[in-house]
Full PDB file with SEQRES, HELIX, SHEET, SSBOND, CRYST1, ORIGX, SCALE, CONECT and MASTER records, all heavy atoms in Angstrom:
SEQRES   1 A   33  GLY GLY GLY LEU VAL GLN ALA GLY GLY SER LEU ARG LEU          
SEQRES   2 A   33  SER CYS ALA ALA SER GLY ARG THR PHE SER SER HIS ALA          
SEQRES   3 A   33  MET GLY TRP PHE ARG GLN ALA                                  
CRYST1    1.000    1.000    1.000  90.00  90.00  90.00 P 1           1          
ORIGX1      1.000000  0.000000  0.000000        0.00000                         
ORIGX2      0.000000  1.000000  0.000000        0.00000                         
ORIGX3      0.000000  0.000000  1.000000        0.00000                         
SCALE1      1.000000  0.000000  0.000000        0.00000                         
SCALE2      0.000000  1.000000  0.000000        0.00000                         
SCALE3      0.000000  0.000000  1.000000        0.00000                         
ATOM      1  N   GLY A   1       0.786  -1.236  -0.003  1.00  0.00           N  
ATOM      2  CA  GLY A   1      -0.015   0.005  -0.001  1.00  0.00           C  
ATOM      3  C   GLY A   1       0.803   1.272   0.000  1.00  0.00           C  
ATOM      4  O   GLY A   1       0.257   2.379  -0.073  1.00  0.00           O  
ATOM      5  N   GLY A   2       2.127   1.157   0.105  1.00  0.00           N  
ATOM      6  CA  GLY A   2       2.952   2.357   0.063  1.00  0.00           C  
ATOM      7  C   GLY A   2       3.001   2.958  -1.338  1.00  0.00           C  
ATOM      8  O   GLY A   2       2.484   2.376  -2.307  1.00  0.00           O  
ATOM      9  N   GLY A   3       3.576   4.157  -1.398  1.00  0.00           N  
ATOM     10  CA  GLY A   3       3.687   4.798  -2.695  1.00  0.00           C  
ATOM     11  C   GLY A   3       4.028   6.261  -2.550  1.00  0.00           C  
ATOM     12  O   GLY A   3       4.447   6.710  -1.484  1.00  0.00           O  
ATOM     13  N   LEU A   4       3.857   6.988  -3.653  1.00  0.00           N  
ATOM     14  CA  LEU A   4       4.124   8.423  -3.696  1.00  0.00           C  
ATOM     15  C   LEU A   4       2.798   9.169  -3.670  1.00  0.00           C  
ATOM     16  O   LEU A   4       1.878   8.853  -4.441  1.00  0.00           O  
ATOM     17  CB  LEU A   4       4.888   8.757  -4.983  1.00  0.00           C  
ATOM     18  CG  LEU A   4       5.114  10.235  -5.285  1.00  0.00           C  
ATOM     19  CD1 LEU A   4       6.008  10.862  -4.239  1.00  0.00           C  
ATOM     20  CD2 LEU A   4       5.737  10.379  -6.688  1.00  0.00           C  
ATOM     21  N   VAL A   5       2.700  10.135  -2.770  1.00  0.00           N  
ATOM     22  CA  VAL A   5       1.475  10.912  -2.621  1.00  0.00           C  
ATOM     23  C   VAL A   5       1.837  12.342  -2.309  1.00  0.00           C  
ATOM     24  O   VAL A   5       2.900  12.615  -1.743  1.00  0.00           O  
ATOM     25  CB  VAL A   5       0.584  10.299  -1.522  1.00  0.00           C  
ATOM     26  CG1 VAL A   5       1.251  10.385  -0.151  1.00  0.00           C  
ATOM     27  CG2 VAL A   5      -0.769  10.925  -1.466  1.00  0.00           C  
ATOM     28  N   GLN A   6       0.982  13.255  -2.725  1.00  0.00           N  
ATOM     29  CA  GLN A   6       1.207  14.666  -2.429  1.00  0.00           C  
ATOM     30  C   GLN A   6       0.808  14.980  -0.981  1.00  0.00           C  
ATOM     31  O   GLN A   6      -0.034  14.276  -0.397  1.00  0.00           O  
ATOM     32  CB  GLN A   6       0.405  15.550  -3.372  1.00  0.00           C  
ATOM     33  CG  GLN A   6       0.891  15.546  -4.803  1.00  0.00           C  
ATOM     34  CD  GLN A   6       0.206  16.593  -5.681  1.00  0.00           C  
ATOM     35  OE1 GLN A   6      -0.945  16.933  -5.445  1.00  0.00           O  
ATOM     36  NE2 GLN A   6       0.922  17.079  -6.677  1.00  0.00           N  
ATOM     37  N   ALA A   7       1.403  15.986  -0.459  1.00  0.00           N  
ATOM     38  CA  ALA A   7       1.061  16.432   0.885  1.00  0.00           C  
ATOM     39  C   ALA A   7      -0.419  16.710   0.974  1.00  0.00           C  
ATOM     40  O   ALA A   7      -1.033  17.268   0.053  1.00  0.00           O  
ATOM     41  CB  ALA A   7       1.841  17.688   1.262  1.00  0.00           C  
ATOM     42  N   GLY A   8      -1.022  16.251   2.080  1.00  0.00           N  
ATOM     43  CA  GLY A   8      -2.467  16.357   2.261  1.00  0.00           C  
ATOM     44  C   GLY A   8      -3.221  15.149   1.811  1.00  0.00           C  
ATOM     45  O   GLY A   8      -4.421  15.021   2.094  1.00  0.00           O  
ATOM     46  N   GLY A   9      -2.551  14.252   1.093  1.00  0.00           N  
ATOM     47  CA  GLY A   9      -3.208  13.079   0.567  1.00  0.00           C  
ATOM     48  C   GLY A   9      -3.289  11.945   1.585  1.00  0.00           C  
ATOM     49  O   GLY A   9      -2.937  12.125   2.769  1.00  0.00           O  
ATOM     50  N   SER A  10      -3.770  10.808   1.124  1.00  0.00           N  
ATOM     51  CA  SER A  10      -3.993   9.664   2.009  1.00  0.00           C  
ATOM     52  C   SER A  10      -3.410   8.391   1.383  1.00  0.00           C  
ATOM     53  O   SER A  10      -3.349   8.249   0.147  1.00  0.00           O  
ATOM     54  CB  SER A  10      -5.491   9.445   2.243  1.00  0.00           C  
ATOM     55  OG  SER A  10      -6.059  10.519   2.892  1.00  0.00           O  
ATOM     56  N   LEU A  11      -3.043   7.492   2.244  1.00  0.00           N  
ATOM     57  CA  LEU A  11      -2.647   6.137   1.843  1.00  0.00           C  
ATOM     58  C   LEU A  11      -3.167   5.164   2.916  1.00  0.00           C  
ATOM     59  O   LEU A  11      -3.292   5.531   4.077  1.00  0.00           O  
ATOM     60  CB  LEU A  11      -1.146   5.980   1.738  1.00  0.00           C  
ATOM     61  CG  LEU A  11      -0.421   6.571   0.521  1.00  0.00           C  
ATOM     62  CD1 LEU A  11       1.082   6.469   0.709  1.00  0.00           C  
ATOM     63  CD2 LEU A  11      -0.850   5.903  -0.748  1.00  0.00           C  
ATOM     64  N   ARG A  12      -3.417   3.933   2.478  1.00  0.00           N  
ATOM     65  CA  ARG A  12      -3.779   2.888   3.429  1.00  0.00           C  
ATOM     66  C   ARG A  12      -2.790   1.731   3.277  1.00  0.00           C  
ATOM     67  O   ARG A  12      -2.715   1.103   2.221  1.00  0.00           O  
ATOM     68  CB  ARG A  12      -5.171   2.377   3.158  1.00  0.00           C  
ATOM     69  CG  ARG A  12      -5.690   1.416   4.231  1.00  0.00           C  
ATOM     70  CD  ARG A  12      -6.940   0.699   3.763  1.00  0.00           C  
ATOM     71  NE  ARG A  12      -7.648   0.063   4.880  1.00  0.00           N  
ATOM     72  CZ  ARG A  12      -8.464  -0.957   4.697  1.00  0.00           C  
ATOM     73  NH1 ARG A  12      -8.689  -1.468   3.523  1.00  0.00           N  
ATOM     74  NH2 ARG A  12      -9.104  -1.464   5.778  1.00  0.00           N  
ATOM     75  N   LEU A  13      -2.033   1.491   4.351  1.00  0.00           N  
ATOM     76  CA  LEU A  13      -1.106   0.392   4.357  1.00  0.00           C  
ATOM     77  C   LEU A  13      -1.784  -0.854   4.911  1.00  0.00           C  
ATOM     78  O   LEU A  13      -2.617  -0.787   5.821  1.00  0.00           O  
ATOM     79  CB  LEU A  13       0.107   0.737   5.235  1.00  0.00           C  
ATOM     80  CG  LEU A  13       0.859   2.006   4.878  1.00  0.00           C  
ATOM     81  CD1 LEU A  13       2.097   2.127   5.775  1.00  0.00           C  
ATOM     82  CD2 LEU A  13       1.236   2.083   3.426  1.00  0.00           C  
ATOM     83  N   SER A  14      -1.385  -1.997   4.372  1.00  0.00           N  
ATOM     84  CA  SER A  14      -1.858  -3.294   4.864  1.00  0.00           C  
ATOM     85  C   SER A  14      -0.675  -4.132   5.273  1.00  0.00           C  
ATOM     86  O   SER A  14       0.419  -4.007   4.695  1.00  0.00           O  
ATOM     87  CB  SER A  14      -2.638  -4.018   3.781  1.00  0.00           C  
ATOM     88  OG  SER A  14      -3.795  -3.301   3.389  1.00  0.00           O  
ATOM     89  N   CYS A  15      -0.885  -5.000   6.239  1.00  0.00           N  
ATOM     90  CA  CYS A  15       0.135  -5.941   6.689  1.00  0.00           C  
ATOM     91  C   CYS A  15      -0.528  -7.305   6.777  1.00  0.00           C  
ATOM     92  O   CYS A  15      -1.329  -7.510   7.687  1.00  0.00           O  
ATOM     93  CB  CYS A  15       0.719  -5.505   8.004  1.00  0.00           C  
ATOM     94  SG  CYS A  15       1.821  -6.731   8.754  1.00  0.00           S  
ATOM     95  N   ALA A  16      -0.203  -8.179   5.860  1.00  0.00           N  
ATOM     96  CA  ALA A  16      -0.784  -9.520   5.869  1.00  0.00           C  
ATOM     97  C   ALA A  16       0.171 -10.512   6.493  1.00  0.00           C  
ATOM     98  O   ALA A  16       1.346 -10.581   6.122  1.00  0.00           O  
ATOM     99  CB  ALA A  16      -1.081  -9.947   4.429  1.00  0.00           C  
ATOM    100  N   ALA A  17      -0.343 -11.240   7.463  1.00  0.00           N  
ATOM    101  CA  ALA A  17       0.474 -12.240   8.151  1.00  0.00           C  
ATOM    102  C   ALA A  17       0.171 -13.626   7.613  1.00  0.00           C  
ATOM    103  O   ALA A  17      -0.968 -13.951   7.290  1.00  0.00           O  
ATOM    104  CB  ALA A  17       0.201 -12.197   9.642  1.00  0.00           C  
ATOM    105  N   SER A  18       1.214 -14.440   7.518  1.00  0.00           N  
ATOM    106  CA  SER A  18       1.042 -15.836   7.109  1.00  0.00           C  
ATOM    107  C   SER A  18       1.993 -16.692   7.914  1.00  0.00           C  
ATOM    108  O   SER A  18       2.936 -16.205   8.524  1.00  0.00           O  
ATOM    109  CB  SER A  18       1.326 -15.976   5.610  1.00  0.00           C  
ATOM    110  OG  SER A  18       2.642 -15.619   5.328  1.00  0.00           O  
ATOM    111  N   GLY A  19       1.674 -17.970   7.959  1.00  0.00           N  
ATOM    112  CA  GLY A  19       2.538 -18.921   8.685  1.00  0.00           C  
ATOM    113  C   GLY A  19       2.064 -19.182  10.091  1.00  0.00           C  
ATOM    114  O   GLY A  19       2.407 -20.197  10.693  1.00  0.00           O  
ATOM    115  N   ARG A  20       1.330 -18.253  10.658  1.00  0.00           N  
ATOM    116  CA  ARG A  20       0.720 -18.424  11.971  1.00  0.00           C  
ATOM    117  C   ARG A  20      -0.298 -17.306  12.147  1.00  0.00           C  
ATOM    118  O   ARG A  20      -0.254 -16.287  11.436  1.00  0.00           O  
ATOM    119  CB  ARG A  20       1.736 -18.410  13.116  1.00  0.00           C  
ATOM    120  CG  ARG A  20       2.411 -17.091  13.332  1.00  0.00           C  
ATOM    121  CD  ARG A  20       3.101 -17.042  14.692  1.00  0.00           C  
ATOM    122  NE  ARG A  20       2.107 -16.948  15.770  1.00  0.00           N  
ATOM    123  CZ  ARG A  20       2.398 -17.191  17.018  1.00  0.00           C  
ATOM    124  NH1 ARG A  20       3.594 -17.577  17.385  1.00  0.00           N  
ATOM    125  NH2 ARG A  20       1.451 -17.069  17.962  1.00  0.00           N  
ATOM    126  N   THR A  21      -1.166 -17.471  13.086  1.00  0.00           N  
ATOM    127  CA  THR A  21      -2.159 -16.425  13.366  1.00  0.00           C  
ATOM    128  C   THR A  21      -1.620 -15.505  14.457  1.00  0.00           C  
ATOM    129  O   THR A  21      -0.962 -15.930  15.409  1.00  0.00           O  
ATOM    130  CB  THR A  21      -3.504 -17.013  13.786  1.00  0.00           C  
ATOM    131  OG1 THR A  21      -4.398 -15.918  14.075  1.00  0.00           O  
ATOM    132  CG2 THR A  21      -3.371 -17.878  15.044  1.00  0.00           C  
ATOM    133  N   PHE A  22      -1.899 -14.226  14.287  1.00  0.00           N  
ATOM    134  CA  PHE A  22      -1.538 -13.244  15.307  1.00  0.00           C  
ATOM    135  C   PHE A  22      -2.781 -12.644  15.956  1.00  0.00           C  
ATOM    136  O   PHE A  22      -2.715 -11.571  16.545  1.00  0.00           O  
ATOM    137  CB  PHE A  22      -0.712 -12.148  14.660  1.00  0.00           C  
ATOM    138  CG  PHE A  22       0.670 -12.605  14.223  1.00  0.00           C  
ATOM    139  CD1 PHE A  22       0.937 -12.914  12.912  1.00  0.00           C  
ATOM    140  CD2 PHE A  22       1.687 -12.780  15.146  1.00  0.00           C  
ATOM    141  CE1 PHE A  22       2.177 -13.341  12.509  1.00  0.00           C  
ATOM    142  CE2 PHE A  22       2.913 -13.220  14.769  1.00  0.00           C  
ATOM    143  CZ  PHE A  22       3.170 -13.501  13.448  1.00  0.00           C  
ATOM    144  N   SER A  23      -3.885 -13.337  15.858  1.00  0.00           N  
ATOM    145  CA  SER A  23      -5.141 -12.781  16.347  1.00  0.00           C  
ATOM    146  C   SER A  23      -5.179 -12.603  17.866  1.00  0.00           C  
ATOM    147  O   SER A  23      -5.995 -11.863  18.376  1.00  0.00           O  
ATOM    148  CB  SER A  23      -6.301 -13.662  15.902  1.00  0.00           C  
ATOM    149  OG  SER A  23      -6.156 -14.975  16.435  1.00  0.00           O  
ATOM    150  N   SER A  24      -4.254 -13.257  18.559  1.00  0.00           N  
ATOM    151  CA  SER A  24      -4.190 -13.131  20.021  1.00  0.00           C  
ATOM    152  C   SER A  24      -3.102 -12.155  20.468  1.00  0.00           C  
ATOM    153  O   SER A  24      -2.838 -12.068  21.686  1.00  0.00           O  
ATOM    154  CB  SER A  24      -3.976 -14.478  20.671  1.00  0.00           C  
ATOM    155  OG  SER A  24      -5.015 -15.382  20.348  1.00  0.00           O  
ATOM    156  N   HIS A  25      -2.486 -11.482  19.554  1.00  0.00           N  
ATOM    157  CA  HIS A  25      -1.291 -10.685  19.868  1.00  0.00           C  
ATOM    158  C   HIS A  25      -1.372  -9.264  19.383  1.00  0.00           C  
ATOM    159  O   HIS A  25      -2.069  -8.948  18.421  1.00  0.00           O  
ATOM    160  CB  HIS A  25      -0.067 -11.346  19.244  1.00  0.00           C  
ATOM    161  CG  HIS A  25       0.148 -12.744  19.697  1.00  0.00           C  
ATOM    162  ND1 HIS A  25       0.539 -13.046  20.985  1.00  0.00           N  
ATOM    163  CD2 HIS A  25       0.006 -13.923  19.068  1.00  0.00           C  
ATOM    164  CE1 HIS A  25       0.644 -14.359  21.103  1.00  0.00           C  
ATOM    165  NE2 HIS A  25       0.307 -14.914  19.977  1.00  0.00           N  
ATOM    166  N   ALA A  26      -0.678  -8.401  20.079  1.00  0.00           N  
ATOM    167  CA  ALA A  26      -0.601  -7.000  19.688  1.00  0.00           C  
ATOM    168  C   ALA A  26       0.227  -6.866  18.414  1.00  0.00           C  
ATOM    169  O   ALA A  26       1.172  -7.659  18.153  1.00  0.00           O  
ATOM    170  CB  ALA A  26       0.013  -6.164  20.793  1.00  0.00           C  
ATOM    171  N   MET A  27      -0.125  -5.850  17.637  1.00  0.00           N  
ATOM    172  CA  MET A  27       0.608  -5.549  16.398  1.00  0.00           C  
ATOM    173  C   MET A  27       0.957  -4.085  16.398  1.00  0.00           C  
ATOM    174  O   MET A  27       0.289  -3.251  17.035  1.00  0.00           O  
ATOM    175  CB  MET A  27      -0.266  -5.870  15.171  1.00  0.00           C  
ATOM    176  CG  MET A  27      -0.763  -7.305  15.101  1.00  0.00           C  
ATOM    177  SD  MET A  27       0.518  -8.478  14.653  1.00  0.00           S  
ATOM    178  CE  MET A  27       0.834  -8.012  12.957  1.00  0.00           C  
ATOM    179  N   GLY A  28       1.994  -3.762  15.655  1.00  0.00           N  
ATOM    180  CA  GLY A  28       2.415  -2.358  15.605  1.00  0.00           C  
ATOM    181  C   GLY A  28       2.929  -1.942  14.247  1.00  0.00           C  
ATOM    182  O   GLY A  28       3.250  -2.777  13.415  1.00  0.00           O  
ATOM    183  N   TRP A  29       2.971  -0.642  14.060  1.00  0.00           N  
ATOM    184  CA  TRP A  29       3.584  -0.027  12.874  1.00  0.00           C  
ATOM    185  C   TRP A  29       4.715   0.884  13.330  1.00  0.00           C  
ATOM    186  O   TRP A  29       4.552   1.657  14.306  1.00  0.00           O  
ATOM    187  CB  TRP A  29       2.575   0.809  12.070  1.00  0.00           C  
ATOM    188  CG  TRP A  29       1.595  -0.013  11.273  1.00  0.00           C  
ATOM    189  CD1 TRP A  29       0.346  -0.375  11.630  1.00  0.00           C  
ATOM    190  CD2 TRP A  29       1.788  -0.536   9.956  1.00  0.00           C  
ATOM    191  NE1 TRP A  29      -0.255  -1.102  10.643  1.00  0.00           N  
ATOM    192  CE2 TRP A  29       0.613  -1.203   9.616  1.00  0.00           C  
ATOM    193  CE3 TRP A  29       2.859  -0.513   9.038  1.00  0.00           C  
ATOM    194  CZ2 TRP A  29       0.472  -1.851   8.372  1.00  0.00           C  
ATOM    195  CZ3 TRP A  29       2.691  -1.160   7.827  1.00  0.00           C  
ATOM    196  CH2 TRP A  29       1.506  -1.815   7.494  1.00  0.00           C  
ATOM    197  N   PHE A  30       5.830   0.776  12.664  1.00  0.00           N  
ATOM    198  CA  PHE A  30       6.977   1.626  12.904  1.00  0.00           C  
ATOM    199  C   PHE A  30       7.425   2.207  11.587  1.00  0.00           C  
ATOM    200  O   PHE A  30       7.008   1.730  10.513  1.00  0.00           O  
ATOM    201  CB  PHE A  30       8.123   0.834  13.556  1.00  0.00           C  
ATOM    202  CG  PHE A  30       7.830   0.374  14.940  1.00  0.00           C  
ATOM    203  CD1 PHE A  30       6.991  -0.701  15.176  1.00  0.00           C  
ATOM    204  CD2 PHE A  30       8.401   1.014  16.033  1.00  0.00           C  
ATOM    205  CE1 PHE A  30       6.709  -1.139  16.462  1.00  0.00           C  
ATOM    206  CE2 PHE A  30       8.125   0.608  17.313  1.00  0.00           C  
ATOM    207  CZ  PHE A  30       7.279  -0.466  17.539  1.00  0.00           C  
ATOM    208  N   ARG A  31       8.259   3.219  11.628  1.00  0.00           N  
ATOM    209  CA  ARG A  31       8.779   3.795  10.377  1.00  0.00           C  
ATOM    210  C   ARG A  31      10.229   4.237  10.591  1.00  0.00           C  
ATOM    211  O   ARG A  31      10.655   4.515  11.713  1.00  0.00           O  
ATOM    212  CB  ARG A  31       7.926   4.972   9.912  1.00  0.00           C  
ATOM    213  CG  ARG A  31       7.956   6.192  10.817  1.00  0.00           C  
ATOM    214  CD  ARG A  31       6.964   7.231  10.344  1.00  0.00           C  
ATOM    215  NE  ARG A  31       6.997   8.437  11.150  1.00  0.00           N  
ATOM    216  CZ  ARG A  31       6.144   9.433  11.025  1.00  0.00           C  
ATOM    217  NH1 ARG A  31       5.172   9.398  10.084  1.00  0.00           N  
ATOM    218  NH2 ARG A  31       6.256  10.520  11.803  1.00  0.00           N  
ATOM    219  N   GLN A  32      10.942   4.278   9.452  1.00  0.00           N  
ATOM    220  CA  GLN A  32      12.334   4.726   9.501  1.00  0.00           C  
ATOM    221  C   GLN A  32      12.601   5.610   8.293  1.00  0.00           C  
ATOM    222  O   GLN A  32      12.490   5.156   7.130  1.00  0.00           O  
ATOM    223  CB  GLN A  32      13.277   3.538   9.524  1.00  0.00           C  
ATOM    224  CG  GLN A  32      14.733   3.951   9.728  1.00  0.00           C  
ATOM    225  CD  GLN A  32      15.630   2.771  10.087  1.00  0.00           C  
ATOM    226  OE1 GLN A  32      15.283   1.607   9.872  1.00  0.00           O  
ATOM    227  NE2 GLN A  32      16.761   3.066  10.672  1.00  0.00           N  
ATOM    228  N   ALA A  33      12.954   6.830   8.563  1.00  0.00           N  
ATOM    229  CA  ALA A  33      13.308   7.778   7.511  1.00  0.00           C  
ATOM    230  C   ALA A  33      14.832   7.725   7.284  1.00  0.00           C  
ATOM    231  O   ALA A  33      15.579   7.309   8.166  1.00  0.00           O  
ATOM    232  CB  ALA A  33      12.909   9.199   7.891  1.00  0.00           C  
TER     233      ALA A  33                                                      
MASTER        0    0    0    0    0    0    0    6  232    1    0    3          
END                                                                             
């Protein structure tokens, strides 16, 4: 879901998990510039 957008715009990121379920666990988003 990442990409190039102008200031003021919107994006929706998705994170799909596979190999095990994380439905019982906390999840987070981090970023690095």
